[in-house]
C-alpha cells in the first residue's frame, strides 16, 4: 500500500558510464538514462536492469541528468520518455507545463 504525499527520490540507471577525473574519478552515467528506485531490480518504465545491461548509479539523482542542472548530464544522450513521465521531466522547483488562464465558474 502506497502512502499519499510521499515524495519519491529516483536514482539513475544508464546504458553506459564514464569517469570524471576532475571530480576525483567519479562514475557518471552516459548514453540513455532511466529512472530507478534503489532496492528494485527494474527501472520505473519496467526494464529489467540485468537483462537490459543497465549500469546503476545510486549516487546520481534523476534531476542531475537534466541538461540545465549542470550535474551528471554531460554525456547523457537521451532520457527515457516513459521514465520522465513518472519521475518528472524537469526539476522539482519547476512550474507545471500548462496554466489555466480563464477557468470556468
Protein backbone atom coordinates (compact mmCIF):
# COMPACT_ATOMS: atom_id res chain seq x y z
CA UNK A 1 0.00 0.00 0.00
CA UNK A 2 1.46 3.32 -1.07
CA UNK A 3 1.20 6.41 1.05
CA UNK A 4 -0.24 9.54 -0.45
CA UNK A 5 2.01 12.57 -0.44
CA UNK A 6 5.20 10.57 -0.14
CA UNK A 7 7.78 12.02 -2.46
CA UNK A 8 9.97 9.51 -4.18
CA UNK A 9 13.59 10.03 -4.99
CA UNK A 10 14.80 8.32 -8.11
CA UNK A 11 18.34 7.31 -8.91
CA UNK A 12 19.68 6.68 -12.41
CA UNK A 13 20.39 3.57 -14.46
CA UNK A 14 22.19 4.15 -17.76
CA UNK A 15 23.34 2.29 -20.83
CA UNK A 16 26.94 3.47 -20.37
CA UNK A 17 29.32 5.12 -17.96
CA UNK A 18 32.33 7.41 -17.87
CA UNK A 19 34.65 8.67 -15.15
CA UNK A 20 35.15 12.32 -14.37
CA UNK A 21 38.79 12.86 -13.40
CA UNK A 22 38.12 16.43 -12.26
CA UNK A 23 35.74 15.25 -9.51
CA UNK A 24 38.03 12.54 -8.18
CA UNK A 25 37.33 9.72 -10.61
CA UNK A 26 33.58 9.65 -10.01
CA UNK A 27 31.49 7.31 -12.19
CA UNK A 28 28.80 9.14 -14.14
CA UNK A 29 26.02 7.98 -16.50
CA UNK A 30 26.29 8.12 -20.28
CA UNK A 31 24.04 7.23 -23.20
CA UNK A 32 20.36 6.59 -22.47
CA UNK A 33 19.28 7.11 -18.86
CA UNK A 34 16.34 5.64 -16.97
CA UNK A 35 14.83 6.47 -13.57
CA UNK A 36 15.42 3.73 -10.99
CA UNK A 37 14.38 3.23 -7.37
CA UNK A 38 17.21 1.78 -5.26
CA UNK A 39 16.26 -1.60 -3.90
CA UNK A 40 14.38 -2.63 -7.03
CA UNK A 41 15.64 -4.70 -9.95
CA UNK A 42 13.84 -2.76 -12.64
CA UNK A 43 13.56 0.78 -13.91
CA UNK A 44 10.45 2.90 -13.47
CA UNK A 45 9.39 2.10 -17.03
CA UNK A 46 9.67 -1.66 -16.38
CA UNK A 47 13.01 -2.62 -17.93
CA UNK A 48 14.97 -5.28 -16.09
CA UNK A 49 18.36 -3.88 -15.07
CA UNK A 50 20.30 -7.07 -15.68
CA UNK A 51 18.63 -8.11 -18.94
CA UNK A 52 18.92 -4.62 -20.37
CA UNK A 53 22.55 -4.40 -19.19
CA UNK A 54 21.96 -1.07 -17.48
CA UNK A 55 24.52 0.27 -15.03
CA UNK A 56 23.18 1.52 -11.67
CA UNK A 57 24.16 4.92 -10.30
CA UNK A 58 22.74 5.10 -6.78
CA UNK A 59 24.60 8.35 -6.05
CA UNK A 60 23.22 10.22 -9.07
CA UNK A 61 19.68 11.57 -8.81
CA UNK A 62 17.23 11.80 -11.72
CA UNK A 63 17.29 15.60 -11.66
CA UNK A 64 21.08 15.55 -12.16
CA UNK A 65 20.57 14.17 -15.68
CA UNK A 66 18.78 17.29 -16.93
CA UNK A 67 20.98 19.41 -19.22
CA UNK A 68 20.19 22.61 -17.30
CA UNK A 69 21.27 21.05 -13.98
CA UNK A 70 24.95 21.04 -14.90
CA UNK A 71 25.35 17.88 -12.84
CA UNK A 72 25.89 14.48 -14.41
CA UNK A 73 24.31 15.39 -17.74
CA UNK A 74 27.49 15.92 -19.73
CA UNK A 75 27.32 12.68 -21.69
CA UNK A 76 23.63 11.84 -21.39
CA UNK A 77 22.26 11.47 -24.90
CA UNK A 78 18.63 10.60 -24.17
CA UNK A 79 16.24 10.38 -21.24
CA UNK A 80 13.66 7.63 -21.38
CA UNK A 81 10.32 9.34 -22.09
CA UNK A 82 8.36 6.75 -20.07
CA UNK A 83 10.59 7.24 -17.03
CA UNK A 84 10.41 11.02 -17.47
CA UNK A 85 6.61 10.91 -17.37
CA UNK A 86 6.72 9.20 -13.97
CA UNK A 87 9.79 10.76 -12.36
CA UNK A 88 9.31 14.23 -13.82
CA UNK A 89 10.60 15.94 -16.90
CA UNK A 90 12.05 18.89 -15.05
CA UNK A 91 13.40 19.80 -11.65
CA UNK A 92 11.24 19.79 -8.55
CA UNK A 93 11.08 23.60 -8.45
CA UNK A 94 9.72 23.91 -12.00
CA UNK A 95 6.19 25.13 -12.67
CA UNK A 96 3.62 22.96 -14.49
CA UNK A 97 3.84 22.92 -18.27
CA UNK A 98 0.33 24.40 -18.64
CA UNK A 99 -1.60 27.16 -16.94
CA UNK A 100 -5.37 27.75 -16.96
CA UNK A 101 -5.99 31.43 -17.68
CA UNK A 102 -9.78 31.54 -17.79
CA UNK A 103 -11.29 28.82 -15.56
CA UNK A 104 -14.97 28.04 -15.72
CA UNK A 105 -17.16 29.23 -12.83
